[in-house]
Amino acid sequence: MLNRNIAIIPARKRSVGLKHKNRLLFKNTADFLDTLEWLDEVIVSTDDPIICNYSLDRNYLIHNRSDTLAGPSVPIKAVFESLVNEIPIGPNDFLWLFYLPILYKNKKDFNHSFELIMKGKINSLCSFIPAASHPFNCWKYDDQNKKLIQYIPNDIFRRQDLPPAWMLYHYICCFKTIELPVLNNELINENTYPLFLSKQKADRLIEIDTPADYEKWLAISKKESRGD
């Protein structure tokens, strides 16, 4: 049996910054998923009856997310662990994470990632964007001893001598089910294949957490539709 590719949409009911944002943003991701010919199934993990109705309208499978997994401090790995324990999913099926607040999606990027994993040598893949602040420049303050401490000891003084630094971003994230136990709470490990994104693409990745974020996204989308 061929490995399946399954999209997983986490969509809890409560949100702090933008009320019912997952209801508001659901259609954007669902419409995109309909364009991916290689997807075999879509599973929505939710505690929201409205999201359930949206999902049933699309013939998506629903994972009934418990109250203990619907809080803001719950790691996404715990949601996946619950899901694979409750729904028949093969050990070699690929699970693709789709966060609803990440609205920008480029089909070529996802098709390229699909082609990479189908070559059979990748069990985990995640996208990375250039770090906004280089870790070599970051310090913490030891309040007890009243002194500054470098997070990464170094004495580099020229910006151009800093090694490349990348930050995890769940724009694209997929892995084999069998790999889940060895992934961290962000669903990666040292063997994860890194998909490096350009700064230009990273600038389009606005994660919607507040009304201001949503307005910014609408403004960018309107500008792009005009070809500005």
C-alpha atoms as a PDB file:
ATOM      1  CA  MET A   1       0.000   0.000   0.000  1.00  0.00           C
ATOM      2  CA  LEU A   2       1.305   3.409  -0.943  1.00  0.00           C
ATOM      3  CA  ASN A   3       2.004   5.939   1.792  1.00  0.00           C
ATOM      4  CA  ARG A   4      -0.844   8.372   2.239  1.00  0.00           C
ATOM      5  CA  ASN A   5      -0.444  12.143   2.529  1.00  0.00           C
ATOM      6  CA  ILE A   6      -2.787  13.543   5.144  1.00  0.00           C
ATOM      7  CA  ALA A   7      -3.368  17.212   5.906  1.00  0.00           C
ATOM      8  CA  ILE A   8      -3.904  17.973   9.591  1.00  0.00           C
ATOM      9  CA  ILE A   9      -5.688  21.220  10.522  1.00  0.00           C
ATOM     10  CA  PRO A  10      -5.596  22.126  14.247  1.00  0.00           C
ATOM     11  CA  ALA A  11      -8.501  24.487  14.910  1.00  0.00           C
ATOM     12  CA  ARG A  12      -9.380  24.995  18.552  1.00  0.00           C
ATOM     13  CA  LYS A  13     -12.395  27.143  19.430  1.00  0.00           C
ATOM     14  CA  ARG A  14     -10.832  29.684  21.745  1.00  0.00           C
ATOM     15  CA  SER A  15      -8.380  32.379  20.702  1.00  0.00           C
ATOM     16  CA  VAL A  16      -7.173  35.413  22.602  1.00  0.00           C
ATOM     17  CA  GLY A  17      -5.990  38.014  20.103  1.00  0.00           C
ATOM     18  CA  LEU A  18      -8.654  37.639  17.402  1.00  0.00           C
ATOM     19  CA  LYS A  19     -11.949  36.099  18.493  1.00  0.00           C
ATOM     20  CA  HIS A  20     -12.983  32.998  16.515  1.00  0.00           C
ATOM     21  CA  LYS A  21     -10.065  33.513  14.137  1.00  0.00           C
ATOM     22  CA  ASN A  22     -10.052  29.859  13.074  1.00  0.00           C
ATOM     23  CA  ARG A  23     -13.653  30.166  11.875  1.00  0.00           C
ATOM     24  CA  LEU A  24     -12.733  33.319   9.994  1.00  0.00           C
ATOM     25  CA  LEU A  25      -9.636  31.803   8.366  1.00  0.00           C
ATOM     26  CA  PHE A  26     -10.823  28.240   7.717  1.00  0.00           C
ATOM     27  CA  LYS A  27     -11.954  28.772   4.117  1.00  0.00           C
ATOM     28  CA  ASN A  28      -8.573  30.149   3.019  1.00  0.00           C
ATOM     29  CA  THR A  29      -6.734  26.946   3.912  1.00  0.00           C
ATOM     30  CA  ALA A  30      -9.549  24.613   2.847  1.00  0.00           C
ATOM     31  CA  ASP A  31      -9.694  26.198  -0.615  1.00  0.00           C
ATOM     32  CA  PHE A  32      -5.926  25.779  -0.939  1.00  0.00           C
ATOM     33  CA  LEU A  33      -6.009  22.127   0.100  1.00  0.00           C
ATOM     34  CA  ASP A  34      -8.540  21.463  -2.640  1.00  0.00           C
ATOM     35  CA  THR A  35      -5.840  22.404  -5.184  1.00  0.00           C
ATOM     36  CA  LEU A  36      -3.312  19.789  -3.964  1.00  0.00           C
ATOM     37  CA  GLU A  37      -3.953  16.727  -6.115  1.00  0.00           C
ATOM     38  CA  TRP A  38      -1.633  14.495  -4.070  1.00  0.00           C
ATOM     39  CA  LEU A  39      -3.481  14.882  -0.751  1.00  0.00           C
ATOM     40  CA  ASP A  40      -5.338  11.723   0.233  1.00  0.00           C
ATOM     41  CA  GLU A  41      -7.256  13.005   3.232  1.00  0.00           C
ATOM     42  CA  VAL A  42      -7.828  16.021   5.459  1.00  0.00           C
ATOM     43  CA  ILE A  43      -8.309  15.696   9.216  1.00  0.00           C
ATOM     44  CA  VAL A  44      -9.462  18.624  11.352  1.00  0.00           C
ATOM     45  CA  SER A  45      -8.670  18.502  15.069  1.00  0.00           C
ATOM     46  CA  THR A  46     -11.153  20.771  16.805  1.00  0.00           C
ATOM     47  CA  ASP A  47     -13.396  21.396  19.803  1.00  0.00           C
ATOM     48  CA  ASP A  48     -15.503  23.924  17.872  1.00  0.00           C
ATOM     49  CA  PRO A  49     -18.939  22.774  16.574  1.00  0.00           C
ATOM     50  CA  ILE A  50     -18.888  25.508  13.913  1.00  0.00           C
ATOM     51  CA  ILE A  51     -15.536  24.257  12.587  1.00  0.00           C
ATOM     52  CA  CYS A  52     -16.992  20.728  12.647  1.00  0.00           C
ATOM     53  CA  ASN A  53     -19.798  21.878  10.357  1.00  0.00           C
ATOM     54  CA  TYR A  54     -17.308  23.569   8.028  1.00  0.00           C
ATOM     55  CA  SER A  55     -15.311  20.338   7.943  1.00  0.00           C
ATOM     56  CA  LEU A  56     -18.290  18.103   7.233  1.00  0.00           C
ATOM     57  CA  ASP A  57     -19.264  20.359   4.327  1.00  0.00           C
ATOM     58  CA  ARG A  58     -15.828  19.563   2.821  1.00  0.00           C
ATOM     59  CA  ASN A  59     -16.006  15.843   3.651  1.00  0.00           C
ATOM     60  CA  TYR A  60     -13.071  16.196   6.040  1.00  0.00           C
ATOM     61  CA  LEU A  61     -12.517  13.712   8.852  1.00  0.00           C
ATOM     62  CA  ILE A  62     -12.933  15.188  12.336  1.00  0.00           C
ATOM     63  CA  HIS A  63     -10.735  14.508  15.352  1.00  0.00           C
ATOM     64  CA  ASN A  64     -12.729  15.530  18.436  1.00  0.00           C
ATOM     65  CA  ARG A  65     -10.196  17.528  20.388  1.00  0.00           C
ATOM     66  CA  SER A  66     -10.554  17.197  24.155  1.00  0.00           C
ATOM     67  CA  ASP A  67     -10.689  20.177  26.502  1.00  0.00           C
ATOM     68  CA  THR A  68      -7.275  19.236  27.910  1.00  0.00           C
ATOM     69  CA  LEU A  69      -5.770  19.636  24.426  1.00  0.00           C
ATOM     70  CA  ALA A  70      -7.583  22.862  23.554  1.00  0.00           C
ATOM     71  CA  GLY A  71      -5.643  25.311  25.719  1.00  0.00           C
ATOM     72  CA  PRO A  72      -3.048  27.839  24.526  1.00  0.00           C
ATOM     73  CA  SER A  73      -0.201  26.131  26.413  1.00  0.00           C
ATOM     74  CA  VAL A  74      -0.657  22.703  24.810  1.00  0.00           C
ATOM     75  CA  PRO A  75       2.166  21.752  22.406  1.00  0.00           C
ATOM     76  CA  ILE A  76       1.125  20.781  18.901  1.00  0.00           C
ATOM     77  CA  LYS A  77       2.914  17.433  19.329  1.00  0.00           C
ATOM     78  CA  ALA A  78       0.405  16.437  22.017  1.00  0.00           C
ATOM     79  CA  VAL A  79      -2.443  17.116  19.591  1.00  0.00           C
ATOM     80  CA  PHE A  80      -0.819  14.892  16.963  1.00  0.00           C
ATOM     81  CA  GLU A  81      -0.175  12.136  19.513  1.00  0.00           C
ATOM     82  CA  SER A  82      -3.838  12.131  20.485  1.00  0.00           C
ATOM     83  CA  LEU A  83      -4.903  12.141  16.862  1.00  0.00           C
ATOM     84  CA  VAL A  84      -2.777   9.187  15.744  1.00  0.00           C
ATOM     85  CA  ASN A  85      -3.914   7.169  18.782  1.00  0.00           C
ATOM     86  CA  GLU A  86      -7.593   7.727  17.984  1.00  0.00           C
ATOM     87  CA  ILE A  87      -7.725   7.641  14.167  1.00  0.00           C
ATOM     88  CA  PRO A  88      -6.415   4.832  11.935  1.00  0.00           C
ATOM     89  CA  ILE A  89      -3.241   6.266  10.394  1.00  0.00           C
ATOM     90  CA  GLY A  90      -0.451   4.151   8.949  1.00  0.00           C
ATOM     91  CA  PRO A  91       3.096   4.352  10.384  1.00  0.00           C
ATOM     92  CA  ASN A  92       4.474   5.452   7.011  1.00  0.00           C
ATOM     93  CA  ASP A  93       1.728   7.939   6.198  1.00  0.00           C
ATOM     94  CA  PHE A  94       2.937  11.531   5.907  1.00  0.00           C
ATOM     95  CA  LEU A  95       1.171  14.060   8.116  1.00  0.00           C
ATOM     96  CA  TRP A  96       1.136  17.682   6.889  1.00  0.00           C
ATOM     97  CA  LEU A  97       0.510  20.423   9.424  1.00  0.00           C
ATOM     98  CA  PHE A  98      -1.641  23.343   8.242  1.00  0.00           C
ATOM     99  CA  TYR A  99      -1.989  26.216  10.715  1.00  0.00           C
ATOM    100  CA  LEU A 100      -5.031  28.295   9.766  1.00  0.00           C
ATOM    101  CA  PRO A 101      -3.456  31.636  10.836  1.00  0.00           C
ATOM    102  CA  ILE A 102      -0.712  31.234   8.193  1.00  0.00           C
ATOM    103  CA  LEU A 103      -2.649  32.491   5.180  1.00  0.00           C
ATOM    104  CA  TYR A 104       0.068  32.743   2.527  1.00  0.00           C
ATOM    105  CA  LYS A 105       0.516  29.460   0.665  1.00  0.00           C
ATOM    106  CA  ASN A 106       2.311  28.865  -2.619  1.00  0.00           C
ATOM    107  CA  LYS A 107       1.344  25.670  -4.430  1.00  0.00           C
ATOM    108  CA  LYS A 108       4.805  25.338  -6.008  1.00  0.00           C
ATOM    109  CA  ASP A 109       6.397  25.246  -2.539  1.00  0.00           C
ATOM    110  CA  PHE A 110       4.125  22.429  -1.389  1.00  0.00           C
ATOM    111  CA  ASN A 111       4.475  20.466  -4.610  1.00  0.00           C
ATOM    112  CA  HIS A 112       8.262  20.763  -4.319  1.00  0.00           C
ATOM    113  CA  SER A 113       8.131  19.481  -0.724  1.00  0.00           C
ATOM    114  CA  PHE A 114       5.912  16.592  -1.786  1.00  0.00           C
ATOM    115  CA  GLU A 115       8.403  15.646  -4.511  1.00  0.00           C
ATOM    116  CA  LEU A 116      11.242  15.717  -1.967  1.00  0.00           C
ATOM    117  CA  ILE A 117       9.568  13.329   0.469  1.00  0.00           C
ATOM    118  CA  MET A 118       8.410  10.996  -2.301  1.00  0.00           C
ATOM    119  CA  LYS A 119      12.058  10.295  -3.125  1.00  0.00           C
ATOM    120  CA  GLY A 120      12.018   8.153   0.011  1.00  0.00           C
ATOM    121  CA  LYS A 121      14.923   9.561   2.008  1.00  0.00           C
ATOM    122  CA  ILE A 122      13.135  12.165   4.146  1.00  0.00           C
ATOM    123  CA  ASN A 123      11.067  11.289   7.214  1.00  0.00           C
ATOM    124  CA  SER A 124      10.590  14.856   8.428  1.00  0.00           C
ATOM    125  CA  LEU A 125      10.612  18.229   6.676  1.00  0.00           C
ATOM    126  CA  CYS A 126      10.075  21.779   7.911  1.00  0.00           C
ATOM    127  CA  SER A 127      10.528  25.277   6.493  1.00  0.00           C
ATOM    128  CA  PHE A 128      12.891  27.848   7.985  1.00  0.00           C
ATOM    129  CA  ILE A 129      13.136  31.608   7.505  1.00  0.00           C
ATOM    130  CA  PRO A 130      16.099  33.959   8.101  1.00  0.00           C
ATOM    131  CA  ALA A 131      16.386  34.798  11.804  1.00  0.00           C
ATOM    132  CA  ALA A 132      15.150  38.295  12.572  1.00  0.00           C
ATOM    133  CA  SER A 133      17.779  38.657  15.290  1.00  0.00           C
ATOM    134  CA  HIS A 134      21.042  36.769  15.038  1.00  0.00           C
ATOM    135  CA  PRO A 135      21.597  34.472  18.060  1.00  0.00           C
ATOM    136  CA  PHE A 136      25.252  35.576  18.298  1.00  0.00           C
ATOM    137  CA  ASN A 137      23.979  39.058  19.170  1.00  0.00           C
ATOM    138  CA  CYS A 138      21.607  37.908  21.910  1.00  0.00           C
ATOM    139  CA  TRP A 139      22.315  38.298  25.610  1.00  0.00           C
ATOM    140  CA  LYS A 140      20.477  37.572  28.841  1.00  0.00           C
ATOM    141  CA  TYR A 141      20.763  39.330  32.174  1.00  0.00           C
ATOM    142  CA  ASP A 142      21.585  37.296  35.272  1.00  0.00           C
ATOM    143  CA  ASP A 143      19.620  39.292  37.835  1.00  0.00           C
ATOM    144  CA  GLN A 144      21.005  37.334  40.779  1.00  0.00           C
ATOM    145  CA  ASN A 145      24.650  37.968  39.881  1.00  0.00           C
ATOM    146  CA  LYS A 146      23.954  41.322  38.183  1.00  0.00           C
ATOM    147  CA  LYS A 147      25.784  40.585  34.958  1.00  0.00           C
ATOM    148  CA  LEU A 148      25.219  40.035  31.260  1.00  0.00           C
ATOM    149  CA  ILE A 149      25.702  36.595  29.721  1.00  0.00           C
ATOM    150  CA  GLN A 150      25.954  35.750  26.038  1.00  0.00           C
ATOM    151  CA  TYR A 151      23.601  33.002  24.927  1.00  0.00           C
ATOM    152  CA  ILE A 152      26.267  31.852  22.445  1.00  0.00           C
ATOM    153  CA  PRO A 153      29.800  32.950  23.421  1.00  0.00           C
ATOM    154  CA  ASN A 154      31.542  34.670  20.494  1.00  0.00           C
ATOM    155  CA  ASP A 155      33.562  37.768  19.668  1.00  0.00           C
ATOM    156  CA  ILE A 156      32.429  38.419  16.096  1.00  0.00           C
ATOM    157  CA  PHE A 157      32.104  42.127  15.427  1.00  0.00           C
ATOM    158  CA  ARG A 158      31.359  42.290  11.678  1.00  0.00           C
ATOM    159  CA  ARG A 159      27.831  41.521  10.531  1.00  0.00           C
ATOM    160  CA  GLN A 160      29.077  39.880   7.344  1.00  0.00           C
ATOM    161  CA  ASP A 161      31.126  37.386   9.396  1.00  0.00           C
ATOM    162  CA  LEU A 162      28.099  36.044  11.244  1.00  0.00           C
ATOM    163  CA  PRO A 163      27.180  32.488  10.205  1.00  0.00           C
ATOM    164  CA  PRO A 164      23.729  32.004   8.639  1.00  0.00           C
ATOM    165  CA  ALA A 165      20.979  31.783  11.233  1.00  0.00           C
ATOM    166  CA  TRP A 166      17.526  30.347  10.580  1.00  0.00           C
ATOM    167  CA  MET A 167      14.280  30.276  12.521  1.00  0.00           C
ATOM    168  CA  LEU A 168      11.720  27.490  12.407  1.00  0.00           C
ATOM    169  CA  TYR A 169       8.457  28.478  10.712  1.00  0.00           C
ATOM    170  CA  HIS A 170       5.532  26.092  10.233  1.00  0.00           C
ATOM    171  CA  TYR A 171       4.708  27.310   6.749  1.00  0.00           C
ATOM    172  CA  ILE A 172       5.460  23.784   5.554  1.00  0.00           C
ATOM    173  CA  CYS A 173       5.808  20.963   8.055  1.00  0.00           C
ATOM    174  CA  CYS A 174       5.373  17.258   7.364  1.00  0.00           C
ATOM    175  CA  PHE A 175       6.643  13.970   8.765  1.00  0.00           C
ATOM    176  CA  LYS A 176       6.004  10.231   8.784  1.00  0.00           C
ATOM    177  CA  THR A 177       3.756   9.052  11.594  1.00  0.00           C
ATOM    178  CA  ILE A 178       6.471   6.671  12.773  1.00  0.00           C
ATOM    179  CA  GLU A 179       8.777   9.666  13.291  1.00  0.00           C
ATOM    180  CA  LEU A 180       6.464  11.473  15.741  1.00  0.00           C
ATOM    181  CA  PRO A 181       7.909   9.993  18.995  1.00  0.00           C
ATOM    182  CA  VAL A 182      11.392  11.360  18.232  1.00  0.00           C
ATOM    183  CA  LEU A 183      10.264  14.858  17.216  1.00  0.00           C
ATOM    184  CA  ASN A 184      10.256  17.708  19.736  1.00  0.00           C
ATOM    185  CA  ASN A 185       7.211  19.774  20.691  1.00  0.00           C
ATOM    186  CA  GLU A 186       7.685  21.883  17.552  1.00  0.00           C
ATOM    187  CA  LEU A 187       7.629  18.716  15.413  1.00  0.00           C
ATOM    188  CA  ILE A 188      11.279  18.759  14.333  1.00  0.00           C
ATOM    189  CA  ASN A 189      14.581  17.159  15.335  1.00  0.00           C
ATOM    190  CA  GLU A 190      18.206  17.258  14.191  1.00  0.00           C
ATOM    191  CA  ASN A 191      17.381  14.965  11.254  1.00  0.00           C
ATOM    192  CA  THR A 192      14.552  17.113   9.919  1.00  0.00           C
ATOM    193  CA  TYR A 193      15.138  18.215   6.330  1.00  0.00           C
ATOM    194  CA  PRO A 194      15.312  22.053   6.358  1.00  0.00           C
ATOM    195  CA  LEU A 195      13.487  23.896   3.600  1.00  0.00           C
ATOM    196  CA  PHE A 196      15.115  27.343   3.595  1.00  0.00           C
ATOM    197  CA  LEU A 197      12.906  30.223   2.469  1.00  0.00           C
ATOM    198  CA  SER A 198      14.095  33.549   1.097  1.00  0.00           C
ATOM    199  CA  LYS A 199      13.627  36.782   3.042  1.00  0.00           C
ATOM    200  CA  GLN A 200      11.215  37.950   0.340  1.00  0.00           C
ATOM    201  CA  LYS A 201       9.012  34.929   0.944  1.00  0.00           C
ATOM    202  CA  ALA A 202       9.402  35.200   4.709  1.00  0.00           C
ATOM    203  CA  ASP A 203       8.102  38.779   4.552  1.00  0.00           C
ATOM    204  CA  ARG A 204       4.812  37.456   3.171  1.00  0.00           C
ATOM    205  CA  LEU A 205       4.331  35.027   6.044  1.00  0.00           C
ATOM    206  CA  ILE A 206       2.096  37.007   8.351  1.00  0.00           C
ATOM    207  CA  GLU A 207       0.702  34.848  11.145  1.00  0.00           C
ATOM    208  CA  ILE A 208      -2.721  36.154  12.122  1.00  0.00           C
ATOM    209  CA  ASP A 209      -2.980  36.585  15.894  1.00  0.00           C
ATOM    210  CA  THR A 210      -4.628  40.006  16.206  1.00  0.00           C
ATOM    211  CA  PRO A 211      -7.060  42.222  14.253  1.00  0.00           C
ATOM    212  CA  ALA A 212      -4.048  44.335  13.226  1.00  0.00           C
ATOM    213  CA  ASP A 213      -2.366  41.258  11.714  1.00  0.00           C
ATOM    214  CA  TYR A 214      -5.508  40.511   9.726  1.00  0.00           C
ATOM    215  CA  GLU A 215      -5.784  44.076   8.458  1.00  0.00           C
ATOM    216  CA  LYS A 216      -2.117  43.960   7.414  1.00  0.00           C
ATOM    217  CA  TRP A 217      -2.739  40.753   5.493  1.00  0.00           C
ATOM    218  CA  LEU A 218      -5.794  42.220   3.743  1.00  0.00           C
ATOM    219  CA  ALA A 219      -3.787  45.302   2.753  1.00  0.00           C
ATOM    220  CA  ILE A 220      -0.968  43.185   1.286  1.00  0.00           C
ATOM    221  CA  SER A 221      -3.437  40.938  -0.553  1.00  0.00           C
ATOM    222  CA  LYS A 222      -5.238  43.950  -2.008  1.00  0.00           C
ATOM    223  CA  LYS A 223      -1.947  45.463  -3.131  1.00  0.00           C
ATOM    224  CA  GLU A 224      -0.870  42.203  -4.795  1.00  0.00           C
ATOM    225  CA  SER A 225      -4.214  41.794  -6.565  1.00  0.00           C
ATOM    226  CA  ARG A 226      -3.719  45.251  -8.088  1.00  0.00           C
ATOM    227  CA  GLY A 227      -0.212  44.272  -9.192  1.00  0.00           C
ATOM    228  CA  ASP A 228       1.420  47.095  -7.191  1.00  0.00           C
END
